[in-house]
Amino acid sequence: MPSSDKQANQRGGEPTETTVDDRRLKTVDTRGNGQKVRALSTDIAQVAVDGETETTEIEDVVDNPANVNYVRRNIVTRGAVIETGVGRARVTSRPGQSGQVNAVLVEE
C-alpha cells in the first residue's frame, strides 16, 4: 500500500481520442520546456506506398485493436486500420501524441 497519494506530475491525463473529421489541433505543455501537438480530429494521413509518401484523405476506420468501440466511433489510434484514397493502411504514429497520422499500406 502506498504511503502517499500521487503527486501532480505522476498523474496521467485524459486520452486524446482522435476522430475522423475536419483537422483540429491542440498544443499542450509537457514537463521541462517541451510541447506536444495533439490531434483532436483529422481527415488526412501520410501513407507510405512503395517507398514513397502520399498525403491522402481518411475515409473511415475499418479496424482498431485497441478497442472494438473505436471503429464505430471513428477514433484513430496507433495500430488502427483506416480506409484511405490509396487503400487500407495501418496507422504507425500516435495521433494523440504527435498530431499527425502516418500509415503504411496493408496488403490484402
N, C-alpha and C. Protein backbone atom coordinates (compact mmCIF):
# COMPACT_ATOMS: atom_id res chain seq x y z
N MET A 1 0.84 -1.18 0.00
CA MET A 1 0.00 0.00 0.00
C MET A 1 0.88 1.24 0.00
N PRO A 2 0.64 2.19 -0.93
CA PRO A 2 1.49 3.37 -1.00
C PRO A 2 1.31 4.25 0.25
N SER A 3 2.40 4.92 0.61
CA SER A 3 2.35 5.76 1.79
C SER A 3 1.82 7.16 1.50
N SER A 4 1.63 7.48 0.23
CA SER A 4 1.10 8.80 -0.11
C SER A 4 0.33 8.71 -1.42
N ASP A 5 -0.50 9.74 -1.68
CA ASP A 5 -1.22 9.81 -2.94
C ASP A 5 -0.27 10.21 -4.05
N LYS A 6 -0.74 10.10 -5.29
CA LYS A 6 0.09 10.51 -6.41
C LYS A 6 0.27 12.02 -6.41
N GLN A 7 1.46 12.44 -6.80
CA GLN A 7 1.72 13.87 -6.94
C GLN A 7 1.19 14.32 -8.30
N ALA A 8 1.11 15.62 -8.49
CA ALA A 8 0.53 16.16 -9.73
C ALA A 8 1.32 15.71 -10.96
N ASN A 9 2.65 15.60 -10.84
CA ASN A 9 3.45 15.20 -12.00
C ASN A 9 3.36 13.71 -12.28
N GLN A 10 2.76 12.93 -11.40
CA GLN A 10 2.64 11.49 -11.61
C GLN A 10 1.28 11.10 -12.16
N ARG A 11 0.35 12.02 -12.14
CA ARG A 11 -0.99 11.72 -12.64
C ARG A 11 -1.01 11.77 -14.16
N GLY A 12 -1.76 10.89 -14.76
CA GLY A 12 -1.92 10.90 -16.20
C GLY A 12 -3.07 11.80 -16.60
N GLY A 13 -3.12 12.16 -17.86
CA GLY A 13 -4.21 12.98 -18.37
C GLY A 13 -5.26 12.12 -19.05
N GLU A 14 -6.31 12.76 -19.48
CA GLU A 14 -7.34 12.07 -20.24
C GLU A 14 -6.79 11.70 -21.62
N PRO A 15 -7.18 10.55 -22.18
CA PRO A 15 -6.68 10.20 -23.51
C PRO A 15 -7.27 11.10 -24.58
N THR A 16 -6.46 11.41 -25.58
CA THR A 16 -6.93 12.20 -26.71
C THR A 16 -7.48 11.22 -27.74
N GLU A 17 -8.77 11.17 -27.88
CA GLU A 17 -9.38 10.24 -28.83
C GLU A 17 -9.58 10.97 -30.15
N THR A 18 -8.60 10.79 -31.05
CA THR A 18 -8.59 11.47 -32.34
C THR A 18 -9.67 10.90 -33.24
N THR A 19 -10.57 11.74 -33.72
CA THR A 19 -11.66 11.30 -34.58
C THR A 19 -11.38 11.67 -36.03
N VAL A 20 -12.14 11.06 -36.94
CA VAL A 20 -12.04 11.38 -38.36
C VAL A 20 -13.03 12.51 -38.65
N ASP A 21 -12.50 13.71 -38.84
CA ASP A 21 -13.31 14.90 -39.08
C ASP A 21 -12.37 16.00 -39.58
N ASP A 22 -12.87 17.21 -39.71
CA ASP A 22 -12.01 18.32 -40.11
C ASP A 22 -10.87 18.47 -39.11
N ARG A 23 -9.70 18.89 -39.61
CA ARG A 23 -8.49 18.92 -38.80
C ARG A 23 -8.57 19.96 -37.68
N ARG A 24 -8.42 19.48 -36.42
CA ARG A 24 -8.36 20.35 -35.24
C ARG A 24 -7.18 19.90 -34.39
N LEU A 25 -6.29 20.83 -34.04
CA LEU A 25 -5.11 20.53 -33.25
C LEU A 25 -5.15 21.29 -31.94
N LYS A 26 -4.45 20.75 -30.93
CA LYS A 26 -4.36 21.39 -29.62
C LYS A 26 -2.92 21.24 -29.14
N THR A 27 -2.33 22.31 -28.66
CA THR A 27 -0.97 22.27 -28.14
C THR A 27 -1.03 22.22 -26.62
N VAL A 28 -0.30 21.26 -26.04
CA VAL A 28 -0.25 21.12 -24.58
C VAL A 28 1.20 21.22 -24.12
N ASP A 29 1.40 21.79 -22.95
CA ASP A 29 2.74 21.88 -22.37
C ASP A 29 3.11 20.56 -21.73
N THR A 30 4.39 20.22 -21.81
CA THR A 30 4.89 19.00 -21.19
C THR A 30 5.90 19.38 -20.12
N ARG A 31 6.43 18.39 -19.44
CA ARG A 31 7.45 18.67 -18.43
C ARG A 31 8.68 19.27 -19.09
N GLY A 32 9.37 20.09 -18.35
CA GLY A 32 10.52 20.77 -18.92
C GLY A 32 10.04 21.93 -19.77
N ASN A 33 10.64 22.11 -20.92
CA ASN A 33 10.30 23.23 -21.78
C ASN A 33 9.65 22.75 -23.07
N GLY A 34 9.05 21.56 -23.06
CA GLY A 34 8.52 20.98 -24.28
C GLY A 34 7.05 21.21 -24.48
N GLN A 35 6.61 20.86 -25.68
CA GLN A 35 5.20 20.93 -26.03
C GLN A 35 4.85 19.73 -26.90
N LYS A 36 3.57 19.33 -26.84
CA LYS A 36 3.05 18.29 -27.72
C LYS A 36 1.91 18.89 -28.52
N VAL A 37 1.79 18.46 -29.76
CA VAL A 37 0.64 18.86 -30.58
C VAL A 37 -0.28 17.65 -30.65
N ARG A 38 -1.48 17.80 -30.13
CA ARG A 38 -2.43 16.69 -30.13
C ARG A 38 -3.45 16.92 -31.24
N ALA A 39 -3.75 15.87 -31.96
CA ALA A 39 -4.78 15.93 -33.00
C ALA A 39 -6.11 15.55 -32.36
N LEU A 40 -7.00 16.51 -32.20
CA LEU A 40 -8.33 16.21 -31.69
C LEU A 40 -9.16 15.54 -32.77
N SER A 41 -8.97 15.99 -34.02
CA SER A 41 -9.59 15.34 -35.16
C SER A 41 -8.74 15.62 -36.38
N THR A 42 -8.78 14.72 -37.34
CA THR A 42 -8.00 14.88 -38.57
C THR A 42 -8.68 14.12 -39.70
N ASP A 43 -8.46 14.56 -40.92
CA ASP A 43 -9.02 13.87 -42.07
C ASP A 43 -7.97 13.57 -43.13
N ILE A 44 -6.68 13.78 -42.80
CA ILE A 44 -5.62 13.47 -43.75
C ILE A 44 -4.60 12.55 -43.10
N ALA A 45 -3.93 11.76 -43.94
CA ALA A 45 -2.90 10.83 -43.46
C ALA A 45 -1.76 10.80 -44.47
N GLN A 46 -0.56 10.58 -43.96
CA GLN A 46 0.61 10.37 -44.81
C GLN A 46 0.79 8.86 -44.90
N VAL A 47 0.62 8.32 -46.11
CA VAL A 47 0.66 6.87 -46.30
C VAL A 47 1.90 6.51 -47.10
N ALA A 48 2.68 5.55 -46.59
CA ALA A 48 3.87 5.07 -47.29
C ALA A 48 3.45 4.02 -48.32
N VAL A 49 3.75 4.31 -49.60
CA VAL A 49 3.40 3.41 -50.70
C VAL A 49 4.66 3.16 -51.51
N ASP A 50 5.21 1.94 -51.42
CA ASP A 50 6.39 1.55 -52.19
C ASP A 50 7.55 2.53 -52.01
N GLY A 51 7.85 2.93 -50.78
CA GLY A 51 8.96 3.83 -50.52
C GLY A 51 8.64 5.30 -50.72
N GLU A 52 7.52 5.60 -51.28
CA GLU A 52 7.08 6.99 -51.47
C GLU A 52 6.02 7.32 -50.43
N THR A 53 5.87 8.59 -50.11
CA THR A 53 4.86 9.02 -49.14
C THR A 53 3.81 9.85 -49.85
N GLU A 54 2.55 9.46 -49.68
CA GLU A 54 1.44 10.19 -50.29
C GLU A 54 0.55 10.76 -49.20
N THR A 55 0.13 12.00 -49.37
CA THR A 55 -0.85 12.60 -48.46
C THR A 55 -2.22 12.32 -49.04
N THR A 56 -3.06 11.65 -48.27
CA THR A 56 -4.37 11.24 -48.77
C THR A 56 -5.43 11.46 -47.70
N GLU A 57 -6.67 11.39 -48.09
CA GLU A 57 -7.77 11.64 -47.18
C GLU A 57 -8.19 10.35 -46.48
N ILE A 58 -8.51 10.47 -45.19
CA ILE A 58 -9.02 9.33 -44.43
C ILE A 58 -10.52 9.25 -44.64
N GLU A 59 -11.00 8.09 -45.07
CA GLU A 59 -12.42 7.92 -45.32
C GLU A 59 -13.14 7.30 -44.13
N ASP A 60 -12.50 6.30 -43.50
CA ASP A 60 -13.20 5.56 -42.45
C ASP A 60 -12.20 4.76 -41.63
N VAL A 61 -12.60 4.37 -40.41
CA VAL A 61 -11.81 3.46 -39.58
C VAL A 61 -12.40 2.07 -39.76
N VAL A 62 -11.58 1.12 -40.22
CA VAL A 62 -12.05 -0.23 -40.54
C VAL A 62 -11.87 -1.17 -39.35
N ASP A 63 -10.72 -1.08 -38.66
CA ASP A 63 -10.43 -1.98 -37.55
C ASP A 63 -9.56 -1.23 -36.55
N ASN A 64 -9.78 -1.51 -35.25
CA ASN A 64 -8.95 -0.90 -34.22
C ASN A 64 -8.78 -1.90 -33.08
N PRO A 65 -7.58 -2.49 -32.97
CA PRO A 65 -7.37 -3.50 -31.93
C PRO A 65 -7.36 -2.93 -30.51
N ALA A 66 -7.23 -1.62 -30.36
CA ALA A 66 -7.21 -1.01 -29.03
C ALA A 66 -8.58 -1.13 -28.37
N ASN A 67 -9.65 -0.98 -29.16
CA ASN A 67 -10.99 -1.01 -28.59
C ASN A 67 -11.98 -1.22 -29.74
N VAL A 68 -12.84 -2.21 -29.63
CA VAL A 68 -13.78 -2.50 -30.71
C VAL A 68 -14.77 -1.37 -30.91
N ASN A 69 -15.06 -0.61 -29.86
CA ASN A 69 -16.00 0.51 -30.00
C ASN A 69 -15.40 1.70 -30.74
N TYR A 70 -14.07 1.77 -30.86
CA TYR A 70 -13.42 2.87 -31.57
C TYR A 70 -13.75 2.83 -33.07
N VAL A 71 -14.03 1.65 -33.61
CA VAL A 71 -14.38 1.54 -35.03
C VAL A 71 -15.71 2.24 -35.27
N ARG A 72 -16.66 1.97 -34.42
CA ARG A 72 -17.99 2.55 -34.55
C ARG A 72 -17.96 4.07 -34.36
N ARG A 73 -17.06 4.54 -33.47
CA ARG A 73 -16.97 5.97 -33.18
C ARG A 73 -15.96 6.69 -34.06
N ASN A 74 -15.30 5.99 -35.02
CA ASN A 74 -14.31 6.56 -35.94
C ASN A 74 -13.15 7.21 -35.20
N ILE A 75 -12.59 6.50 -34.22
CA ILE A 75 -11.45 7.01 -33.46
C ILE A 75 -10.18 6.34 -33.96
N VAL A 76 -9.16 7.17 -34.25
CA VAL A 76 -7.89 6.69 -34.80
C VAL A 76 -6.85 6.63 -33.69
N THR A 77 -6.26 5.45 -33.48
CA THR A 77 -5.15 5.28 -32.56
C THR A 77 -4.05 4.52 -33.30
N ARG A 78 -2.91 4.35 -32.64
CA ARG A 78 -1.82 3.59 -33.24
C ARG A 78 -2.27 2.15 -33.44
N GLY A 79 -2.02 1.60 -34.62
CA GLY A 79 -2.40 0.23 -34.93
C GLY A 79 -3.75 0.11 -35.60
N ALA A 80 -4.52 1.20 -35.66
CA ALA A 80 -5.83 1.16 -36.31
C ALA A 80 -5.68 1.00 -37.81
N VAL A 81 -6.61 0.28 -38.44
CA VAL A 81 -6.63 0.14 -39.90
C VAL A 81 -7.65 1.13 -40.42
N ILE A 82 -7.19 2.01 -41.33
CA ILE A 82 -8.05 3.05 -41.88
C ILE A 82 -8.22 2.85 -43.38
N GLU A 83 -9.35 3.30 -43.89
CA GLU A 83 -9.61 3.28 -45.34
C GLU A 83 -9.21 4.65 -45.87
N THR A 84 -8.29 4.66 -46.86
CA THR A 84 -7.82 5.93 -47.43
C THR A 84 -8.07 5.93 -48.93
N GLY A 85 -7.68 7.00 -49.57
CA GLY A 85 -7.84 7.11 -51.01
C GLY A 85 -6.98 6.14 -51.79
N VAL A 86 -5.88 5.65 -51.20
CA VAL A 86 -4.99 4.72 -51.89
C VAL A 86 -5.17 3.28 -51.41
N GLY A 87 -6.10 3.04 -50.50
CA GLY A 87 -6.37 1.70 -49.99
C GLY A 87 -6.32 1.66 -48.47
N ARG A 88 -6.39 0.46 -47.94
CA ARG A 88 -6.36 0.30 -46.49
C ARG A 88 -4.93 0.44 -45.96
N ALA A 89 -4.81 1.12 -44.82
CA ALA A 89 -3.49 1.37 -44.25
C ALA A 89 -3.56 1.22 -42.74
N ARG A 90 -2.43 0.79 -42.15
CA ARG A 90 -2.33 0.66 -40.69
C ARG A 90 -1.58 1.87 -40.15
N VAL A 91 -2.14 2.48 -39.10
CA VAL A 91 -1.55 3.68 -38.51
C VAL A 91 -0.33 3.31 -37.69
N THR A 92 0.81 3.99 -37.96
CA THR A 92 2.06 3.71 -37.25
C THR A 92 2.43 4.82 -36.27
N SER A 93 1.77 5.97 -36.35
CA SER A 93 2.06 7.07 -35.43
C SER A 93 1.01 7.12 -34.33
N ARG A 94 1.23 7.98 -33.35
CA ARG A 94 0.27 8.17 -32.27
C ARG A 94 -0.34 9.57 -32.42
N PRO A 95 -1.50 9.67 -33.08
CA PRO A 95 -2.06 10.99 -33.39
C PRO A 95 -2.35 11.84 -32.16
N GLY A 96 -2.67 11.22 -31.04
CA GLY A 96 -2.93 11.97 -29.82
C GLY A 96 -1.67 12.51 -29.18
N GLN A 97 -0.50 12.02 -29.62
CA GLN A 97 0.78 12.47 -29.07
C GLN A 97 1.56 13.32 -30.06
N SER A 98 1.46 13.01 -31.35
CA SER A 98 2.28 13.69 -32.35
C SER A 98 1.49 14.66 -33.22
N GLY A 99 0.18 14.53 -33.26
CA GLY A 99 -0.64 15.47 -34.03
C GLY A 99 -0.76 15.15 -35.49
N GLN A 100 -0.26 13.99 -35.93
CA GLN A 100 -0.38 13.62 -37.34
C GLN A 100 -0.61 12.13 -37.46
N VAL A 101 -1.11 11.71 -38.62
CA VAL A 101 -1.38 10.30 -38.87
C VAL A 101 -0.43 9.82 -39.95
N ASN A 102 0.50 8.93 -39.58
CA ASN A 102 1.38 8.26 -40.53
C ASN A 102 0.93 6.82 -40.62
N ALA A 103 0.94 6.26 -41.83
CA ALA A 103 0.44 4.90 -42.01
C ALA A 103 1.20 4.20 -43.13
N VAL A 104 1.10 2.87 -43.13
CA VAL A 104 1.67 2.05 -44.20
C VAL A 104 0.54 1.22 -44.80
N LEU A 105 0.61 0.99 -46.10
CA LEU A 105 -0.42 0.21 -46.78
C LEU A 105 -0.45 -1.22 -46.27
N VAL A 106 -1.64 -1.77 -46.14
CA VAL A 106 -1.83 -3.15 -45.70
C VAL A 106 -2.09 -3.99 -46.94
N GLU A 107 -1.33 -5.07 -47.10
CA GLU A 107 -1.52 -5.95 -48.24
C GLU A 107 -2.71 -6.86 -47.99
N GLU A 108 -3.67 -6.84 -48.91
CA GLU A 108 -4.86 -7.70 -48.74
C GLU A 108 -5.13 -8.50 -49.98
